[in-house]
C-alpha atoms as a PDB file:
ATOM      1  CA  MET A   1     117.161 175.768 105.374  1.00  0.00           C
ATOM      2  CA  HIS A   2     115.534 178.028 102.819  1.00  0.00           C
ATOM      3  CA  LYS A   3     117.327 176.467  99.823  1.00  0.00           C
ATOM      4  CA  LEU A   4     117.060 173.017  98.270  1.00  0.00           C
ATOM      5  CA  PHE A   5     120.077 170.950  97.278  1.00  0.00           C
ATOM      6  CA  VAL A   6     122.883 173.160  98.582  1.00  0.00           C
ATOM      7  CA  PRO A   7     126.451 171.761  98.625  1.00  0.00           C
ATOM      8  CA  ARG A   8     127.849 172.523 102.096  1.00  0.00           C
ATOM      9  CA  ILE A   9     129.213 170.753 105.128  1.00  0.00           C
ATOM     10  CA  GLY A  10     126.294 170.105 107.456  1.00  0.00           C
ATOM     11  CA  GLY A  11     123.675 170.641 104.766  1.00  0.00           C
ATOM     12  CA  VAL A  12     120.697 168.280 104.697  1.00  0.00           C
ATOM     13  CA  LEU A  13     119.805 167.113 101.200  1.00  0.00           C
ATOM     14  CA  SER A  14     117.112 164.552 101.853  1.00  0.00           C
ATOM     15  CA  ALA A  15     115.886 161.879 104.258  1.00  0.00           C
ATOM     16  CA  ASP A  16     114.517 158.365 104.160  1.00  0.00           C
ATOM     17  CA  ILE A  17     112.978 155.595 106.203  1.00  0.00           C
ATOM     18  CA  ALA A  18     112.325 151.858 105.731  1.00  0.00           C
ATOM     19  CA  VAL A  19     108.869 150.888 106.978  1.00  0.00           C
ATOM     20  CA  PRO A  20     106.623 147.865 107.453  1.00  0.00           C
ATOM     21  CA  GLU A  21     103.098 148.104 106.022  1.00  0.00           C
ATOM     22  CA  HIS A  22     104.584 149.968 103.082  1.00  0.00           C
ATOM     23  CA  GLU A  23     101.369 150.461 101.122  1.00  0.00           C
ATOM     24  CA  ARG A  24      99.578 151.841 104.172  1.00  0.00           C
ATOM     25  CA  GLU A  25     102.477 154.188 104.868  1.00  0.00           C
ATOM     26  CA  MET A  26     102.536 155.402 101.254  1.00  0.00           C
ATOM     27  CA  ARG A  27      98.823 156.176 101.480  1.00  0.00           C
ATOM     28  CA  PHE A  28      99.311 157.965 104.815  1.00  0.00           C
ATOM     29  CA  TYR A  29     102.065 160.281 103.582  1.00  0.00           C
ATOM     30  CA  SER A  30     100.429 160.824 100.213  1.00  0.00           C
ATOM     31  CA  ARG A  31      97.221 162.004 101.856  1.00  0.00           C
ATOM     32  CA  VAL A  32      98.814 163.990 104.706  1.00  0.00           C
ATOM     33  CA  LEU A  33     101.346 165.814 102.537  1.00  0.00           C
ATOM     34  CA  ARG A  34      99.106 166.448  99.530  1.00  0.00           C
ATOM     35  CA  THR A  35      96.829 169.171 100.875  1.00  0.00           C
ATOM     36  CA  GLY A  36      95.926 172.641  99.657  1.00  0.00           C
ATOM     37  CA  GLU A  37      94.893 173.870  96.223  1.00  0.00           C
ATOM     38  CA  ASN A  38      98.338 173.147  94.764  1.00  0.00           C
ATOM     39  CA  PRO A  39      99.838 170.228  96.750  1.00  0.00           C
ATOM     40  CA  LEU A  40     103.528 170.516  97.509  1.00  0.00           C
ATOM     41  CA  TRP A  41     104.110 166.772  97.067  1.00  0.00           C
ATOM     42  CA  ARG A  42     103.232 164.163  94.452  1.00  0.00           C
ATOM     43  CA  GLU A  43     101.625 160.761  94.997  1.00  0.00           C
ATOM     44  CA  ASP A  44     104.956 159.042  94.337  1.00  0.00           C
ATOM     45  CA  GLY A  45     106.580 160.874  97.267  1.00  0.00           C
ATOM     46  CA  MET A  46     108.567 163.364  95.231  1.00  0.00           C
ATOM     47  CA  ASN A  47     107.951 167.058  95.770  1.00  0.00           C
ATOM     48  CA  ASN A  48     106.024 169.306  93.391  1.00  0.00           C
ATOM     49  CA  LEU A  49     109.222 170.004  91.425  1.00  0.00           C
ATOM     50  CA  GLY A  50     109.765 166.287  90.881  1.00  0.00           C
ATOM     51  CA  MET A  51     112.704 166.080  93.296  1.00  0.00           C
ATOM     52  CA  PRO A  52     113.313 163.066  95.576  1.00  0.00           C
ATOM     53  CA  VAL A  53     113.562 164.895  98.901  1.00  0.00           C
ATOM     54  CA  ILE A  54     112.120 162.074 101.012  1.00  0.00           C
ATOM     55  CA  GLY A  55     112.255 158.332 100.428  1.00  0.00           C
ATOM     56  CA  LEU A  56     109.834 155.766 101.861  1.00  0.00           C
ATOM     57  CA  GLY A  57     111.277 152.284 101.419  1.00  0.00           C
ATOM     58  CA  LYS A  58     110.040 148.804 102.251  1.00  0.00           C
ATOM     59  CA  ARG A  59     111.442 147.190 105.376  1.00  0.00           C
ATOM     60  CA  ILE A  60     113.295 144.344 103.678  1.00  0.00           C
ATOM     61  CA  PRO A  61     115.712 142.058 105.618  1.00  0.00           C
ATOM     62  CA  GLU A  62     118.684 144.225 104.604  1.00  0.00           C
ATOM     63  CA  TYR A  63     117.157 147.100 106.610  1.00  0.00           C
ATOM     64  CA  ALA A  64     115.966 145.050 109.585  1.00  0.00           C
ATOM     65  CA  ASP A  65     118.492 146.623 111.959  1.00  0.00           C
ATOM     66  CA  LEU A  66     117.596 150.189 111.082  1.00  0.00           C
ATOM     67  CA  PRO A  67     115.446 151.991 113.678  1.00  0.00           C
ATOM     68  CA  LEU A  68     111.978 153.094 112.669  1.00  0.00           C
ATOM     69  CA  GLN A  69     112.983 156.729 112.301  1.00  0.00           C
ATOM     70  CA  TRP A  70     113.188 159.270 109.517  1.00  0.00           C
ATOM     71  CA  MET A  71     116.925 159.643 108.890  1.00  0.00           C
ATOM     72  CA  PRO A  72     118.295 162.905 107.453  1.00  0.00           C
ATOM     73  CA  HIS A  73     121.180 162.652 104.977  1.00  0.00           C
ATOM     74  CA  ILE A  74     123.794 165.143 106.146  1.00  0.00           C
ATOM     75  CA  GLN A  75     126.829 166.217 104.126  1.00  0.00           C
ATOM     76  CA  VAL A  76     130.236 165.840 105.810  1.00  0.00           C
ATOM     77  CA  ALA A  77     133.832 166.471 104.721  1.00  0.00           C
ATOM     78  CA  ASP A  78     134.974 162.859 105.265  1.00  0.00           C
ATOM     79  CA  VAL A  79     132.469 160.018 105.683  1.00  0.00           C
ATOM     80  CA  ALA A  80     135.016 157.492 106.979  1.00  0.00           C
ATOM     81  CA  ALA A  81     136.457 159.902 109.554  1.00  0.00           C
ATOM     82  CA  SER A  82     133.018 160.997 110.759  1.00  0.00           C
ATOM     83  CA  ALA A  83     131.814 157.391 111.119  1.00  0.00           C
ATOM     84  CA  ARG A  84     134.941 156.417 113.041  1.00  0.00           C
ATOM     85  CA  ARG A  85     134.663 159.420 115.365  1.00  0.00           C
ATOM     86  CA  ALA A  86     130.975 158.722 116.020  1.00  0.00           C
ATOM     87  CA  VAL A  87     131.836 155.270 117.383  1.00  0.00           C
ATOM     88  CA  GLU A  88     134.647 156.714 119.488  1.00  0.00           C
ATOM     89  CA  LEU A  89     132.176 159.172 121.051  1.00  0.00           C
ATOM     90  CA  GLY A  90     129.615 156.534 122.016  1.00  0.00           C
ATOM     91  CA  GLY A  91     127.557 156.280 118.843  1.00  0.00           C
ATOM     92  CA  ARG A  92     127.045 153.241 116.618  1.00  0.00           C
ATOM     93  CA  GLU A  93     127.593 152.466 112.957  1.00  0.00           C
ATOM     94  CA  LEU A  94     124.644 150.588 111.410  1.00  0.00           C
ATOM     95  CA  MET A  95     125.606 150.625 107.728  1.00  0.00           C
ATOM     96  CA  HIS A  96     128.674 151.773 105.807  1.00  0.00           C
ATOM     97  CA  GLN A  97     128.755 151.652 102.019  1.00  0.00           C
ATOM     98  CA  LYS A  98     132.125 151.689 100.246  1.00  0.00           C
ATOM     99  CA  ASP A  99     133.085 151.603  96.580  1.00  0.00           C
ATOM    100  CA  PRO A 100     135.231 148.791  95.101  1.00  0.00           C
ATOM    101  CA  SER A 101     138.374 150.749  96.014  1.00  0.00           C
ATOM    102  CA  GLY A 102     137.328 150.964  99.667  1.00  0.00           C
ATOM    103  CA  ASN A 103     136.361 154.620  99.627  1.00  0.00           C
ATOM    104  CA  SER A 104     133.418 155.494 101.873  1.00  0.00           C
ATOM    105  CA  GLN A 105     130.280 156.565 100.012  1.00  0.00           C
ATOM    106  CA  TRP A 106     127.790 156.892 102.861  1.00  0.00           C
ATOM    107  CA  ALA A 107     127.025 155.603 106.343  1.00  0.00           C
ATOM    108  CA  VAL A 108     124.085 155.277 108.710  1.00  0.00           C
ATOM    109  CA  LEU A 109     124.864 156.084 112.327  1.00  0.00           C
ATOM    110  CA  LEU A 110     123.205 156.297 115.725  1.00  0.00           C
ATOM    111  CA  ASP A 111     124.106 159.030 118.182  1.00  0.00           C
ATOM    112  CA  PRO A 112     124.588 158.132 121.883  1.00  0.00           C
ATOM    113  CA  ASN A 113     120.841 158.590 122.541  1.00  0.00           C
ATOM    114  CA  GLY A 114     119.812 156.359 119.617  1.00  0.00           C
ATOM    115  CA  ALA A 115     118.818 159.011 117.060  1.00  0.00           C
ATOM    116  CA  ALA A 116     119.575 157.739 113.547  1.00  0.00           C
ATOM    117  CA  PHE A 117     121.083 159.800 110.746  1.00  0.00           C
ATOM    118  CA  GLY A 118     122.964 159.310 107.511  1.00  0.00           C
ATOM    119  CA  ILE A 119     126.185 160.957 106.406  1.00  0.00           C
ATOM    120  CA  ILE A 120     127.251 161.519 102.809  1.00  0.00           C
ATOM    121  CA  PRO A 121     130.086 163.438 101.126  1.00  0.00           C
ATOM    122  CA  VAL A 122     129.535 167.066 100.173  1.00  0.00           C
ATOM    123  CA  ILE A 123     127.910 166.882  96.749  1.00  0.00           C
ATOM    124  CA  PRO A 124     129.690 168.794  93.947  1.00  0.00           C
ATOM    125  CA  ARG A 125     127.690 171.803  92.824  1.00  0.00           C
ATOM    126  CA  GLU A 126     127.631 170.571  89.232  1.00  0.00           C
ATOM    127  CA  ALA A 127     125.918 167.382  90.418  1.00  0.00           C
ATOM    128  CA  MET A 128     123.077 169.280  92.087  1.00  0.00           C
ATOM    129  CA  PRO A 129     119.759 169.262  90.203  1.00  0.00           C
ATOM    130  CA  PRO A 130     118.696 172.717  88.965  1.00  0.00           C
ATOM    131  CA  VAL A 131     116.029 174.460  91.019  1.00  0.00           C
ATOM    132  CA  PRO A 132     114.087 177.270  89.299  1.00  0.00           C
ATOM    133  CA  GLY A 133     113.286 180.535  91.053  1.00  0.00           C
ATOM    134  CA  GLU A 134     114.948 183.075  93.322  1.00  0.00           C
ATOM    135  CA  GLY A 135     117.117 181.717  96.130  1.00  0.00           C
ATOM    136  CA  GLY A 136     116.738 178.140  94.961  1.00  0.00           C
ATOM    137  CA  VAL A 137     113.014 177.938  95.714  1.00  0.00           C
ATOM    138  CA  ALA A 138     110.233 178.508  93.182  1.00  0.00           C
ATOM    139  CA  GLY A 139     107.370 179.607  95.425  1.00  0.00           C
ATOM    140  CA  PRO A 140     105.873 177.095  97.880  1.00  0.00           C
ATOM    141  CA  VAL A 141     107.632 173.777  97.418  1.00  0.00           C
ATOM    142  CA  GLY A 142     107.713 170.436  99.176  1.00  0.00           C
ATOM    143  CA  ARG A 143     110.908 170.393 101.217  1.00  0.00           C
ATOM    144  CA  ILE A 144     112.505 169.743 104.575  1.00  0.00           C
ATOM    145  CA  ALA A 145     111.802 173.130 106.151  1.00  0.00           C
ATOM    146  CA  TRP A 146     113.620 172.427 109.405  1.00  0.00           C
ATOM    147  CA  LEU A 147     115.331 169.685 111.352  1.00  0.00           C
ATOM    148  CA  ASP A 148     115.718 169.362 115.087  1.00  0.00           C
ATOM    149  CA  LEU A 149     116.549 166.893 117.820  1.00  0.00           C
ATOM    150  CA  THR A 150     115.177 166.990 121.381  1.00  0.00           C
ATOM    151  CA  VAL A 151     117.219 165.254 124.075  1.00  0.00           C
ATOM    152  CA  PRO A 152     117.705 165.361 127.859  1.00  0.00           C
ATOM    153  CA  ASN A 153     121.480 165.934 127.506  1.00  0.00           C
ATOM    154  CA  ALA A 154     121.542 168.695 124.909  1.00  0.00           C
ATOM    155  CA  PRO A 155     125.080 170.056 125.565  1.00  0.00           C
ATOM    156  CA  ALA A 156     126.667 166.604 125.184  1.00  0.00           C
ATOM    157  CA  ILE A 157     124.706 165.830 122.005  1.00  0.00           C
ATOM    158  CA  ARG A 158     125.520 169.294 120.652  1.00  0.00           C
ATOM    159  CA  ASP A 159     129.213 168.516 121.064  1.00  0.00           C
ATOM    160  CA  PHE A 160     128.790 165.086 119.447  1.00  0.00           C
ATOM    161  CA  TYR A 161     127.356 166.591 116.264  1.00  0.00           C
ATOM    162  CA  VAL A 162     129.879 169.422 116.177  1.00  0.00           C
ATOM    163  CA  GLN A 163     132.607 166.780 115.970  1.00  0.00           C
ATOM    164  CA  ILE A 164     130.814 164.329 113.659  1.00  0.00           C
ATOM    165  CA  ILE A 165     129.170 166.711 111.180  1.00  0.00           C
ATOM    166  CA  GLY A 166     131.302 169.835 111.422  1.00  0.00           C
ATOM    167  CA  TRP A 167     128.430 172.056 112.533  1.00  0.00           C
ATOM    168  CA  THR A 168     129.027 175.092 114.704  1.00  0.00           C
ATOM    169  CA  ALA A 169     126.670 175.715 117.633  1.00  0.00           C
ATOM    170  CA  ARG A 170     124.952 178.949 118.606  1.00  0.00           C
ATOM    171  CA  GLY A 171     123.082 179.352 121.878  1.00  0.00           C
ATOM    172  CA  VAL A 172     119.373 180.162 121.707  1.00  0.00           C
ATOM    173  CA  PRO A 173     118.041 181.584 125.023  1.00  0.00           C
ATOM    174  CA  MET A 174     114.896 179.806 126.247  1.00  0.00           C
ATOM    175  CA  GLU A 175     112.728 179.894 129.361  1.00  0.00           C
ATOM    176  CA  ASP A 176     110.077 177.666 130.898  1.00  0.00           C
ATOM    177  CA  GLY A 177     108.390 177.323 134.274  1.00  0.00           C
ATOM    178  CA  HIS A 178     111.609 176.011 135.807  1.00  0.00           C
ATOM    179  CA  GLY A 179     113.803 178.882 134.672  1.00  0.00           C
ATOM    180  CA  ARG A 180     116.084 179.897 131.843  1.00  0.00           C
ATOM    181  CA  TYR A 181     118.156 177.569 129.679  1.00  0.00           C
ATOM    182  CA  VAL A 182     119.822 177.479 126.274  1.00  0.00           C
ATOM    183  CA  ASP A 183     118.974 175.406 123.212  1.00  0.00           C
ATOM    184  CA  TYR A 184     121.342 175.254 120.265  1.00  0.00           C
ATOM    185  CA  GLY A 185     121.104 176.306 116.643  1.00  0.00           C
ATOM    186  CA  MET A 186     123.524 174.321 114.491  1.00  0.00           C
ATOM    187  CA  ALA A 187     125.039 176.102 111.491  1.00  0.00           C
ATOM    188  CA  GLY A 188     126.550 174.522 108.405  1.00  0.00           C
ATOM    189  CA  GLY A 189     129.887 175.234 106.768  1.00  0.00           C
ATOM    190  CA  ASP A 190     128.494 178.356 105.122  1.00  0.00           C
ATOM    191  CA  GLY A 191     127.322 179.760 108.457  1.00  0.00           C
ATOM    192  CA  GLN A 192     123.633 179.287 107.624  1.00  0.00           C
ATOM    193  CA  ALA A 193     121.214 177.541 109.992  1.00  0.00           C
ATOM    194  CA  ALA A 194     121.047 173.794 109.422  1.00  0.00           C
ATOM    195  CA  ALA A 195     119.344 172.210 112.468  1.00  0.00           C
ATOM    196  CA  GLY A 196     118.485 172.560 116.145  1.00  0.00           C
ATOM    197  CA  VAL A 197     119.480 170.570 119.226  1.00  0.00           C
ATOM    198  CA  CYS A 198     116.984 171.190 122.027  1.00  0.00           C
ATOM    199  CA  HIS A 199     116.523 170.307 125.684  1.00  0.00           C
ATOM    200  CA  ALA A 200     113.590 168.042 126.473  1.00  0.00           C
ATOM    201  CA  ARG A 201     111.784 170.781 128.365  1.00  0.00           C
ATOM    202  CA  GLY A 202     109.563 173.770 127.717  1.00  0.00           C
ATOM    203  CA  MET A 203     107.835 173.639 124.334  1.00  0.00           C
ATOM    204  CA  SER A 204     109.933 170.600 123.376  1.00  0.00           C
ATOM    205  CA  ALA A 205     109.105 168.496 126.438  1.00  0.00           C
ATOM    206  CA  ASP A 206     106.752 166.146 124.571  1.00  0.00           C
ATOM    207  CA  LEU A 207     109.025 165.405 121.626  1.00  0.00           C
ATOM    208  CA  PRO A 208     110.906 162.103 121.187  1.00  0.00           C
ATOM    209  CA  PRO A 209     114.748 161.918 121.021  1.00  0.00           C
ATOM    210  CA  VAL A 210     114.848 161.373 117.240  1.00  0.00           C
ATOM    211  CA  TRP A 211     115.658 163.673 114.344  1.00  0.00           C
ATOM    212  CA  MET A 212     112.384 165.410 113.547  1.00  0.00           C
ATOM    213  CA  LEU A 213     111.952 166.457 109.932  1.00  0.00           C
ATOM    214  CA  TYR A 214     109.526 169.312 109.383  1.00  0.00           C
ATOM    215  CA  LEU A 215     107.928 168.872 105.956  1.00  0.00           C
ATOM    216  CA  THR A 216     105.924 171.651 104.313  1.00  0.00           C
ATOM    217  CA  VAL A 217     102.246 171.212 103.422  1.00  0.00           C
ATOM    218  CA  GLY A 218      99.694 173.414 101.695  1.00  0.00           C
ATOM    219  CA  ASP A 219      96.913 173.239 104.313  1.00  0.00           C
ATOM    220  CA  MET A 220      97.974 172.452 107.876  1.00  0.00           C
ATOM    221  CA  ALA A 221      94.468 172.028 109.264  1.00  0.00           C
ATOM    222  CA  GLU A 222      93.513 169.560 106.543  1.00  0.00           C
ATOM    223  CA  SER A 223      96.803 167.687 106.873  1.00  0.00           C
ATOM    224  CA  LEU A 224      96.247 167.243 110.613  1.00  0.00           C
ATOM    225  CA  ARG A 225      92.691 166.054 110.008  1.00  0.00           C
ATOM    226  CA  ARG A 226      94.054 163.451 107.608  1.00  0.00           C
ATOM    227  CA  VAL A 227      96.720 162.344 110.101  1.00  0.00           C
ATOM    228  CA  GLU A 228      94.026 161.066 112.447  1.00  0.00           C
ATOM    229  CA  GLU A 229      91.774 159.856 109.638  1.00  0.00           C
ATOM    230  CA  GLU A 230      94.591 157.661 108.302  1.00  0.00           C
ATOM    231  CA  GLY A 231      95.503 156.145 111.672  1.00  0.00           C
ATOM    232  CA  GLY A 232      98.259 158.509 112.792  1.00  0.00           C
ATOM    233  CA  ARG A 233      98.482 160.569 115.951  1.00  0.00           C
ATOM    234  CA  ILE A 234      99.040 164.270 116.616  1.00  0.00           C
ATOM    235  CA  ILE A 235     101.705 164.672 119.316  1.00  0.00           C
ATOM    236  CA  LYS A 236     101.427 168.443 119.481  1.00  0.00           C
ATOM    237  CA  ALA A 237     100.221 171.257 117.244  1.00  0.00           C
ATOM    238  CA  VAL A 238     101.308 174.852 117.877  1.00  0.00           C
ATOM    239  CA  LYS A 239      99.461 177.949 116.693  1.00  0.00           C
ATOM    240  CA  GLY A 240     100.519 181.592 116.620  1.00  0.00           C
ATOM    241  CA  GLU A 241      98.675 184.613 117.939  1.00  0.00           C
ATOM    242  CA  ASP A 242      96.673 184.747 114.709  1.00  0.00           C
ATOM    243  CA  SER A 243      95.469 181.155 115.371  1.00  0.00           C
ATOM    244  CA  ALA A 244      97.338 179.914 112.302  1.00  0.00           C
ATOM    245  CA  TYR A 245      99.395 176.772 112.710  1.00  0.00           C
ATOM    246  CA  ILE A 246     103.144 177.267 113.122  1.00  0.00           C
ATOM    247  CA  TYR A 247     104.135 173.604 113.264  1.00  0.00           C
ATOM    248  CA  ALA A 248     102.978 170.186 114.402  1.00  0.00           C
ATOM    249  CA  ALA A 249     104.654 166.950 115.460  1.00  0.00           C
ATOM    250  CA  ILE A 250     102.879 163.754 114.445  1.00  0.00           C
ATOM    251  CA  GLN A 251     103.313 159.990 114.603  1.00  0.00           C
ATOM    252  CA  ASP A 252     102.494 157.884 111.569  1.00  0.00           C
ATOM    253  CA  PRO A 253     100.563 154.565 111.696  1.00  0.00           C
ATOM    254  CA  VAL A 254     103.687 152.419 112.254  1.00  0.00           C
ATOM    255  CA  GLY A 255     105.076 154.711 114.965  1.00  0.00           C
ATOM    256  CA  ALA A 256     107.591 156.929 113.144  1.00  0.00           C
ATOM    257  CA  TYR A 257     107.670 160.626 114.058  1.00  0.00           C
ATOM    258  CA  VAL A 258     107.697 163.548 111.643  1.00  0.00           C
ATOM    259  CA  GLY A 259     106.843 167.252 111.765  1.00  0.00           C
ATOM    260  CA  LEU A 260     104.665 169.410 109.540  1.00  0.00           C
ATOM    261  CA  MET A 261     104.920 173.128 108.758  1.00  0.00           C
ATOM    262  CA  PRO A 262     102.939 175.467 106.496  1.00  0.00           C
ATOM    263  CA  GLY A 263     104.408 175.760 102.996  1.00  0.00           C
END
């Protein structure tokens, strides 16, 4: 997921959540994400290029049935067909927006384990906002750096998303104290990595069964300090051999989970 705003089946454009205590949540994310000498996010929640990658909405009655989870917006070939198939495979449809002619515009779904996600049509390239710089990224930028889901029944959930999104799955060999196993890298329609579906074991054992967005920040150590200062909780923080942070999973003040990665 090294590019922003890429038109492709299985590509993740953005994500949103509807939260209670909206002002507190806005302060939390503004402080946690805006670290480093040149913050990768703005106070209004847009990234440093002025792009609306994440959306933090108020939990109004219209959104009362939505789970308190960050929901990625994933491009699919046919919103109506994907929503219908999700229900057939044990998922649920929470919202389904159609135009006056009855054509599906977007939907919010739950997978069989209760992870929430949105589906949207593949966006035409001409409708994509321009992104300056090589490869679609102009230096460090606020973005969704990765997306993964940790579940006890990874093969079944892998197959669910292959059918609903159109991803293809690639095995990723893993090992923990109980032996070897395989997690799954999910690739989009262009063959590039789009997300991960992981077993709830090994390094992922402590993660919840929700889609975890990994958002980039300028200073991981300072961001994690602010997480606790603003009433959040650090679920896990992983460092490399050089003692630099690789990633962290956190919980915000109202209980939603999100990940952080160095920009």
